[in-house]
Amino acid sequence: MLGDRVLGALAGRAWVDVSDLQVRRVEARLLKPVKVAGGIVLSVKEAEVAYQALPVAPGVWFPAEVTLRARGRRRSSSR
């Protein structure tokens, strides 16, 4: 699956709240390019992911920041 390949190509850090076992923050980047259909459809060369959640009530967390920056190419379907 594409999602598995992307997750397998990411490296970074995750901070987890020990009392709620909730992901508080994530910073990750792509270690190697990810290609869809051998790069014919899509090729992502660089990517960075940032996520931060804040507690809004006991045991309830809200995603306060979700950022994805990616660089690559997508093959145009119109010719």
PDB file of N, CA and C in Angstrom:
ATOM      1  N   MET A   1       0.835  -1.190   0.000  1.00  0.00           N
ATOM      2  CA  MET A   1       0.000   0.000   0.000  1.00  0.00           C
ATOM      3  C   MET A   1       0.872   1.243   0.000  1.00  0.00           C
ATOM      4  N   LEU A   2       0.353   2.279  -0.627  1.00  0.00           N
ATOM      5  CA  LEU A   2       1.085   3.539  -0.698  1.00  0.00           C
ATOM      6  C   LEU A   2       1.285   4.134   0.695  1.00  0.00           C
ATOM      7  N   GLY A   3       0.250   4.105   1.523  1.00  0.00           N
ATOM      8  CA  GLY A   3       0.366   4.652   2.872  1.00  0.00           C
ATOM      9  C   GLY A   3       1.452   3.980   3.686  1.00  0.00           C
ATOM     10  N   ASP A   4       1.572   2.672   3.553  1.00  0.00           N
ATOM     11  CA  ASP A   4       2.615   1.933   4.261  1.00  0.00           C
ATOM     12  C   ASP A   4       4.005   2.330   3.774  1.00  0.00           C
ATOM     13  N   ARG A   5       4.134   2.518   2.448  1.00  0.00           N
ATOM     14  CA  ARG A   5       5.438   2.921   1.907  1.00  0.00           C
ATOM     15  C   ARG A   5       5.825   4.323   2.377  1.00  0.00           C
ATOM     16  N   VAL A   6       4.858   5.229   2.430  1.00  0.00           N
ATOM     17  CA  VAL A   6       5.142   6.592   2.899  1.00  0.00           C
ATOM     18  C   VAL A   6       5.537   6.558   4.365  1.00  0.00           C
ATOM     19  N   LEU A   7       4.778   5.854   5.188  1.00  0.00           N
ATOM     20  CA  LEU A   7       5.118   5.773   6.615  1.00  0.00           C
ATOM     21  C   LEU A   7       6.477   5.122   6.823  1.00  0.00           C
ATOM     22  N   GLY A   8       6.806   4.123   6.013  1.00  0.00           N
ATOM     23  CA  GLY A   8       8.094   3.456   6.108  1.00  0.00           C
ATOM     24  C   GLY A   8       9.252   4.335   5.682  1.00  0.00           C
ATOM     25  N   ALA A   9       8.981   5.355   4.884  1.00  0.00           N
ATOM     26  CA  ALA A   9      10.029   6.254   4.399  1.00  0.00           C
ATOM     27  C   ALA A   9      10.191   7.486   5.287  1.00  0.00           C
ATOM     28  N   LEU A  10       9.363   7.635   6.322  1.00  0.00           N
ATOM     29  CA  LEU A  10       9.435   8.783   7.235  1.00  0.00           C
ATOM     30  C   LEU A  10      10.297   8.469   8.449  1.00  0.00           C
ATOM     31  N   ALA A  11      10.966   9.498   8.947  1.00  0.00           N
ATOM     32  CA  ALA A  11      11.709   9.389  10.204  1.00  0.00           C
ATOM     33  C   ALA A  11      11.551  10.694  10.954  1.00  0.00           C
ATOM     34  N   GLY A  12      11.526  10.606  12.266  1.00  0.00           N
ATOM     35  CA  GLY A  12      11.391  11.821  13.059  1.00  0.00           C
ATOM     36  C   GLY A  12      11.163  11.497  14.518  1.00  0.00           C
ATOM     37  N   ARG A  13      10.443  12.398  15.182  1.00  0.00           N
ATOM     38  CA  ARG A  13      10.171  12.256  16.615  1.00  0.00           C
ATOM     39  C   ARG A  13       8.688  12.393  16.884  1.00  0.00           C
ATOM     40  N   ALA A  14       8.248  11.712  17.919  1.00  0.00           N
ATOM     41  CA  ALA A  14       6.870  11.838  18.392  1.00  0.00           C
ATOM     42  C   ALA A  14       6.895  12.036  19.896  1.00  0.00           C
ATOM     43  N   TRP A  15       6.090  12.961  20.366  1.00  0.00           N
ATOM     44  CA  TRP A  15       5.955  13.209  21.800  1.00  0.00           C
ATOM     45  C   TRP A  15       4.582  12.703  22.214  1.00  0.00           C
ATOM     46  N   VAL A  16       4.549  11.897  23.273  1.00  0.00           N
ATOM     47  CA  VAL A  16       3.303  11.294  23.738  1.00  0.00           C
ATOM     48  C   VAL A  16       3.052  11.734  25.168  1.00  0.00           C
ATOM     49  N   ASP A  17       1.835  12.171  25.446  1.00  0.00           N
ATOM     50  CA  ASP A  17       1.444  12.529  26.805  1.00  0.00           C
ATOM     51  C   ASP A  17       1.300  11.241  27.608  1.00  0.00           C
ATOM     52  N   VAL A  18       2.087  11.108  28.672  1.00  0.00           N
ATOM     53  CA  VAL A  18       2.113   9.843  29.418  1.00  0.00           C
ATOM     54  C   VAL A  18       0.842   9.598  30.221  1.00  0.00           C
ATOM     55  N   SER A  19       0.158  10.645  30.630  1.00  0.00           N
ATOM     56  CA  SER A  19      -1.048  10.416  31.423  1.00  0.00           C
ATOM     57  C   SER A  19      -2.239   9.995  30.564  1.00  0.00           C
ATOM     58  N   ASP A  20      -2.351  10.530  29.339  1.00  0.00           N
ATOM     59  CA  ASP A  20      -3.471  10.196  28.453  1.00  0.00           C
ATOM     60  C   ASP A  20      -3.085   9.243  27.328  1.00  0.00           C
ATOM     61  N   LEU A  21      -1.780   8.983  27.155  1.00  0.00           N
ATOM     62  CA  LEU A  21      -1.265   8.177  26.047  1.00  0.00           C
ATOM     63  C   LEU A  21      -1.741   8.712  24.694  1.00  0.00           C
ATOM     64  N   GLN A  22      -1.759  10.027  24.574  1.00  0.00           N
ATOM     65  CA  GLN A  22      -2.150  10.703  23.329  1.00  0.00           C
ATOM     66  C   GLN A  22      -0.917  11.299  22.668  1.00  0.00           C
ATOM     67  N   VAL A  23      -0.900  11.267  21.338  1.00  0.00           N
ATOM     68  CA  VAL A  23       0.198  11.898  20.603  1.00  0.00           C
ATOM     69  C   VAL A  23       0.047  13.405  20.739  1.00  0.00           C
ATOM     70  N   ARG A  24       1.052  14.019  21.325  1.00  0.00           N
ATOM     71  CA  ARG A  24       1.027  15.457  21.568  1.00  0.00           C
ATOM     72  C   ARG A  24       1.642  16.224  20.405  1.00  0.00           C
ATOM     73  N   ARG A  25       2.711  15.662  19.828  1.00  0.00           N
ATOM     74  CA  ARG A  25       3.431  16.374  18.779  1.00  0.00           C
ATOM     75  C   ARG A  25       4.210  15.375  17.929  1.00  0.00           C
ATOM     76  N   VAL A  26       4.327  15.673  16.629  1.00  0.00           N
ATOM     77  CA  VAL A  26       5.110  14.849  15.708  1.00  0.00           C
ATOM     78  C   VAL A  26       5.876  15.778  14.771  1.00  0.00           C
ATOM     79  N   GLU A  27       7.134  15.460  14.539  1.00  0.00           N
ATOM     80  CA  GLU A  27       7.952  16.122  13.532  1.00  0.00           C
ATOM     81  C   GLU A  27       8.645  15.009  12.748  1.00  0.00           C
ATOM     82  N   ALA A  28       8.421  14.958  11.443  1.00  0.00           N
ATOM     83  CA  ALA A  28       9.010  13.891  10.640  1.00  0.00           C
ATOM     84  C   ALA A  28       9.360  14.421   9.251  1.00  0.00           C
ATOM     85  N   ARG A  29      10.270  13.684   8.596  1.00  0.00           N
ATOM     86  CA  ARG A  29      10.651  14.040   7.225  1.00  0.00           C
ATOM     87  C   ARG A  29      10.850  12.761   6.424  1.00  0.00           C
ATOM     88  N   LEU A  30      10.760  12.904   5.131  1.00  0.00           N
ATOM     89  CA  LEU A  30      10.924  11.786   4.223  1.00  0.00           C
ATOM     90  C   LEU A  30      12.404  11.475   4.066  1.00  0.00           C
ATOM     91  N   LEU A  31      12.790  10.214   4.260  1.00  0.00           N
ATOM     92  CA  LEU A  31      14.187   9.808   4.133  1.00  0.00           C
ATOM     93  C   LEU A  31      14.573   9.447   2.706  1.00  0.00           C
ATOM     94  N   LYS A  32      13.600   8.957   1.938  1.00  0.00           N
ATOM     95  CA  LYS A  32      13.878   8.552   0.560  1.00  0.00           C
ATOM     96  C   LYS A  32      12.650   8.867  -0.287  1.00  0.00           C
ATOM     97  N   PRO A  33      12.835   9.078  -1.583  1.00  0.00           N
ATOM     98  CA  PRO A  33      11.692   9.396  -2.447  1.00  0.00           C
ATOM     99  C   PRO A  33      10.639   8.293  -2.441  1.00  0.00           C
ATOM    100  N   VAL A  34       9.389   8.689  -2.621  1.00  0.00           N
ATOM    101  CA  VAL A  34       8.274   7.754  -2.723  1.00  0.00           C
ATOM    102  C   VAL A  34       7.667   7.939  -4.107  1.00  0.00           C
ATOM    103  N   LYS A  35       7.522   6.831  -4.841  1.00  0.00           N
ATOM    104  CA  LYS A  35       6.993   6.880  -6.204  1.00  0.00           C
ATOM    105  C   LYS A  35       5.697   6.092  -6.299  1.00  0.00           C
ATOM    106  N   VAL A  36       4.762   6.617  -7.075  1.00  0.00           N
ATOM    107  CA  VAL A  36       3.507   5.924  -7.368  1.00  0.00           C
ATOM    108  C   VAL A  36       3.589   5.451  -8.811  1.00  0.00           C
ATOM    109  N   ALA A  37       3.350   4.181  -9.018  1.00  0.00           N
ATOM    110  CA  ALA A  37       3.439   3.561 -10.350  1.00  0.00           C
ATOM    111  C   ALA A  37       4.824   3.786 -10.948  1.00  0.00           C
ATOM    112  N   GLY A  38       5.846   3.554 -10.162  1.00  0.00           N
ATOM    113  CA  GLY A  38       7.222   3.678 -10.644  1.00  0.00           C
ATOM    114  C   GLY A  38       7.636   5.102 -10.964  1.00  0.00           C
ATOM    115  N   GLY A  39       6.910   6.082 -10.430  1.00  0.00           N
ATOM    116  CA  GLY A  39       7.224   7.486 -10.695  1.00  0.00           C
ATOM    117  C   GLY A  39       6.497   8.045 -11.908  1.00  0.00           C
ATOM    118  N   ILE A  40       5.736   7.200 -12.600  1.00  0.00           N
ATOM    119  CA  ILE A  40       5.000   7.662 -13.781  1.00  0.00           C
ATOM    120  C   ILE A  40       3.857   8.590 -13.385  1.00  0.00           C
ATOM    121  N   VAL A  41       3.148   8.262 -12.310  1.00  0.00           N
ATOM    122  CA  VAL A  41       2.011   9.062 -11.862  1.00  0.00           C
ATOM    123  C   VAL A  41       2.458  10.180 -10.924  1.00  0.00           C
ATOM    124  N   LEU A  42       3.296   9.836  -9.931  1.00  0.00           N
ATOM    125  CA  LEU A  42       3.696  10.782  -8.897  1.00  0.00           C
ATOM    126  C   LEU A  42       5.033  10.372  -8.317  1.00  0.00           C
ATOM    127  N   SER A  43       5.852  11.372  -8.032  1.00  0.00           N
ATOM    128  CA  SER A  43       7.129  11.128  -7.363  1.00  0.00           C
ATOM    129  C   SER A  43       7.343  12.235  -6.341  1.00  0.00           C
ATOM    130  N   VAL A  44       7.383  11.861  -5.058  1.00  0.00           N
ATOM    131  CA  VAL A  44       7.614  12.824  -3.982  1.00  0.00           C
ATOM    132  C   VAL A  44       9.071  12.699  -3.564  1.00  0.00           C
ATOM    133  N   LYS A  45       9.830  13.789  -3.724  1.00  0.00           N
ATOM    134  CA  LYS A  45      11.262  13.763  -3.428  1.00  0.00           C
ATOM    135  C   LYS A  45      11.570  14.198  -2.002  1.00  0.00           C
ATOM    136  N   GLU A  46      10.824  15.176  -1.506  1.00  0.00           N
ATOM    137  CA  GLU A  46      11.033  15.683  -0.140  1.00  0.00           C
ATOM    138  C   GLU A  46       9.679  15.916   0.506  1.00  0.00           C
ATOM    139  N   ALA A  47       9.601  15.674   1.804  1.00  0.00           N
ATOM    140  CA  ALA A  47       8.373  15.953   2.543  1.00  0.00           C
ATOM    141  C   ALA A  47       8.700  16.139   4.016  1.00  0.00           C
ATOM    142  N   GLU A  48       7.964  17.042   4.642  1.00  0.00           N
ATOM    143  CA  GLU A  48       8.056  17.275   6.083  1.00  0.00           C
ATOM    144  C   GLU A  48       6.651  17.295   6.653  1.00  0.00           C
ATOM    145  N   VAL A  49       6.487  16.699   7.821  1.00  0.00           N
ATOM    146  CA  VAL A  49       5.203  16.641   8.490  1.00  0.00           C
ATOM    147  C   VAL A  49       5.366  17.212   9.896  1.00  0.00           C
ATOM    148  N   ALA A  50       4.433  18.085  10.270  1.00  0.00           N
ATOM    149  CA  ALA A  50       4.406  18.613  11.641  1.00  0.00           C
ATOM    150  C   ALA A  50       2.971  18.503  12.152  1.00  0.00           C
ATOM    151  N   TYR A  51       2.839  18.044  13.380  1.00  0.00           N
ATOM    152  CA  TYR A  51       1.521  17.866  14.002  1.00  0.00           C
ATOM    153  C   TYR A  51       1.639  18.251  15.462  1.00  0.00           C
ATOM    154  N   GLN A  52       0.648  18.959  15.941  1.00  0.00           N
ATOM    155  CA  GLN A  52       0.618  19.282  17.365  1.00  0.00           C
ATOM    156  C   GLN A  52      -0.823  19.267  17.837  1.00  0.00           C
ATOM    157  N   ALA A  53      -1.060  18.643  18.983  1.00  0.00           N
ATOM    158  CA  ALA A  53      -2.396  18.575  19.570  1.00  0.00           C
ATOM    159  C   ALA A  53      -2.370  19.223  20.945  1.00  0.00           C
ATOM    160  N   LEU A  54      -3.514  19.752  21.327  1.00  0.00           N
ATOM    161  CA  LEU A  54      -3.651  20.393  22.637  1.00  0.00           C
ATOM    162  C   LEU A  54      -4.811  19.755  23.397  1.00  0.00           C
ATOM    163  N   PRO A  55      -4.661  19.605  24.713  1.00  0.00           N
ATOM    164  CA  PRO A  55      -5.770  19.050  25.493  1.00  0.00           C
ATOM    165  C   PRO A  55      -6.886  20.093  25.625  1.00  0.00           C
ATOM    166  N   VAL A  56      -8.131  19.660  25.392  1.00  0.00           N
ATOM    167  CA  VAL A  56      -9.273  20.567  25.535  1.00  0.00           C
ATOM    168  C   VAL A  56     -10.168  20.158  26.702  1.00  0.00           C
ATOM    169  N   ALA A  57     -10.006  18.930  27.152  1.00  0.00           N
ATOM    170  CA  ALA A  57     -10.734  18.405  28.308  1.00  0.00           C
ATOM    171  C   ALA A  57      -9.967  17.168  28.758  1.00  0.00           C
ATOM    172  N   PRO A  58     -10.206  16.671  29.948  1.00  0.00           N
ATOM    173  CA  PRO A  58      -9.500  15.468  30.390  1.00  0.00           C
ATOM    174  C   PRO A  58      -9.702  14.305  29.412  1.00  0.00           C
ATOM    175  N   GLY A  59      -8.604  13.826  28.842  1.00  0.00           N
ATOM    176  CA  GLY A  59      -8.648  12.717  27.898  1.00  0.00           C
ATOM    177  C   GLY A  59      -9.062  13.078  26.482  1.00  0.00           C
ATOM    178  N   VAL A  60      -9.289  14.363  26.217  1.00  0.00           N
ATOM    179  CA  VAL A  60      -9.715  14.807  24.886  1.00  0.00           C
ATOM    180  C   VAL A  60      -8.676  15.778  24.336  1.00  0.00           C
ATOM    181  N   TRP A  61      -8.144  15.445  23.158  1.00  0.00           N
ATOM    182  CA  TRP A  61      -7.113  16.265  22.527  1.00  0.00           C
ATOM    183  C   TRP A  61      -7.602  16.749  21.171  1.00  0.00           C
ATOM    184  N   PHE A  62      -7.228  17.958  20.807  1.00  0.00           N
ATOM    185  CA  PHE A  62      -7.643  18.565  19.546  1.00  0.00           C
ATOM    186  C   PHE A  62      -6.416  18.858  18.691  1.00  0.00           C
ATOM    187  N   PRO A  63      -6.421  18.469  17.397  1.00  0.00           N
ATOM    188  CA  PRO A  63      -5.286  18.795  16.523  1.00  0.00           C
ATOM    189  C   PRO A  63      -5.215  20.306  16.301  1.00  0.00           C
ATOM    190  N   ALA A  64      -4.221  20.951  16.877  1.00  0.00           N
ATOM    191  CA  ALA A  64      -4.079  22.399  16.779  1.00  0.00           C
ATOM    192  C   ALA A  64      -3.259  22.813  15.566  1.00  0.00           C
ATOM    193  N   GLU A  65      -2.376  21.934  15.103  1.00  0.00           N
ATOM    194  CA  GLU A  65      -1.548  22.236  13.934  1.00  0.00           C
ATOM    195  C   GLU A  65      -1.299  20.952  13.151  1.00  0.00           C
ATOM    196  N   VAL A  66      -1.533  21.021  11.860  1.00  0.00           N
ATOM    197  CA  VAL A  66      -1.193  19.929  10.958  1.00  0.00           C
ATOM    198  C   VAL A  66      -0.583  20.571   9.723  1.00  0.00           C
ATOM    199  N   THR A  67       0.690  20.295   9.484  1.00  0.00           N
ATOM    200  CA  THR A  67       1.393  20.894   8.357  1.00  0.00           C
ATOM    201  C   THR A  67       2.075  19.806   7.538  1.00  0.00           C
ATOM    202  N   LEU A  68       1.908  19.872   6.236  1.00  0.00           N
ATOM    203  CA  LEU A  68       2.581  18.956   5.325  1.00  0.00           C
ATOM    204  C   LEU A  68       3.199  19.787   4.211  1.00  0.00           C
ATOM    205  N   ARG A  69       4.498  19.663   4.062  1.00  0.00           N
ATOM    206  CA  ARG A  69       5.210  20.319   2.965  1.00  0.00           C
ATOM    207  C   ARG A  69       5.833  19.213   2.125  1.00  0.00           C
ATOM    208  N   ALA A  70       5.574  19.245   0.832  1.00  0.00           N
ATOM    209  CA  ALA A  70       6.105  18.207  -0.047  1.00  0.00           C
ATOM    210  C   ALA A  70       6.627  18.833  -1.336  1.00  0.00           C
ATOM    211  N   ARG A  71       7.647  18.187  -1.902  1.00  0.00           N
ATOM    212  CA  ARG A  71       8.198  18.620  -3.182  1.00  0.00           C
ATOM    213  C   ARG A  71       8.369  17.382  -4.044  1.00  0.00           C
ATOM    214  N   GLY A  72       7.910  17.474  -5.258  1.00  0.00           N
ATOM    215  CA  GLY A  72       8.024  16.359  -6.183  1.00  0.00           C
ATOM    216  C   GLY A  72       7.410  16.732  -7.505  1.00  0.00           C
ATOM    217  N   ARG A  73       6.927  15.715  -8.221  1.00  0.00           N
ATOM    218  CA  ARG A  73       6.289  16.005  -9.493  1.00  0.00           C
ATOM    219  C   ARG A  73       5.099  15.069  -9.693  1.00  0.00           C
ATOM    220  N   ARG A  74       4.122  15.593 -10.398  1.00  0.00           N
ATOM    221  CA  ARG A  74       2.924  14.840 -10.743  1.00  0.00           C
ATOM    222  C   ARG A  74       2.788  14.914 -12.252  1.00  0.00           C
ATOM    223  N   ARG A  75       2.599  13.795 -12.853  1.00  0.00           N
ATOM    224  CA  ARG A  75       2.449  13.765 -14.309  1.00  0.00           C
ATOM    225  C   ARG A  75       1.058  14.272 -14.683  1.00  0.00           C
ATOM    226  N   SER A  76       1.010  15.208 -15.584  1.00  0.00           N
ATOM    227  CA  SER A  76      -0.263  15.780 -16.019  1.00  0.00           C
ATOM    228  C   SER A  76      -1.012  14.780 -16.877  1.00  0.00           C
ATOM    229  N   SER A  77      -2.330  14.670 -16.655  1.00  0.00           N
ATOM    230  CA  SER A  77      -3.133  13.738 -17.431  1.00  0.00           C
ATOM    231  C   SER A  77      -3.602  14.338 -18.748  1.00  0.00           C
ATOM    232  N   SER A  78      -3.491  15.666 -18.913  1.00  0.00           N
ATOM    233  CA  SER A  78      -3.910  16.297 -20.165  1.00  0.00           C
ATOM    234  C   SER A  78      -2.725  16.427 -21.110  1.00  0.00           C
ATOM    235  N   ARG A  79      -2.914  15.976 -22.329  1.00  0.00           N
ATOM    236  CA  ARG A  79      -1.848  16.035 -23.337  1.00  0.00           C
ATOM    237  C   ARG A  79      -2.377  16.573 -24.614  1.00  0.00           C
TER     238      ARG A  79
END
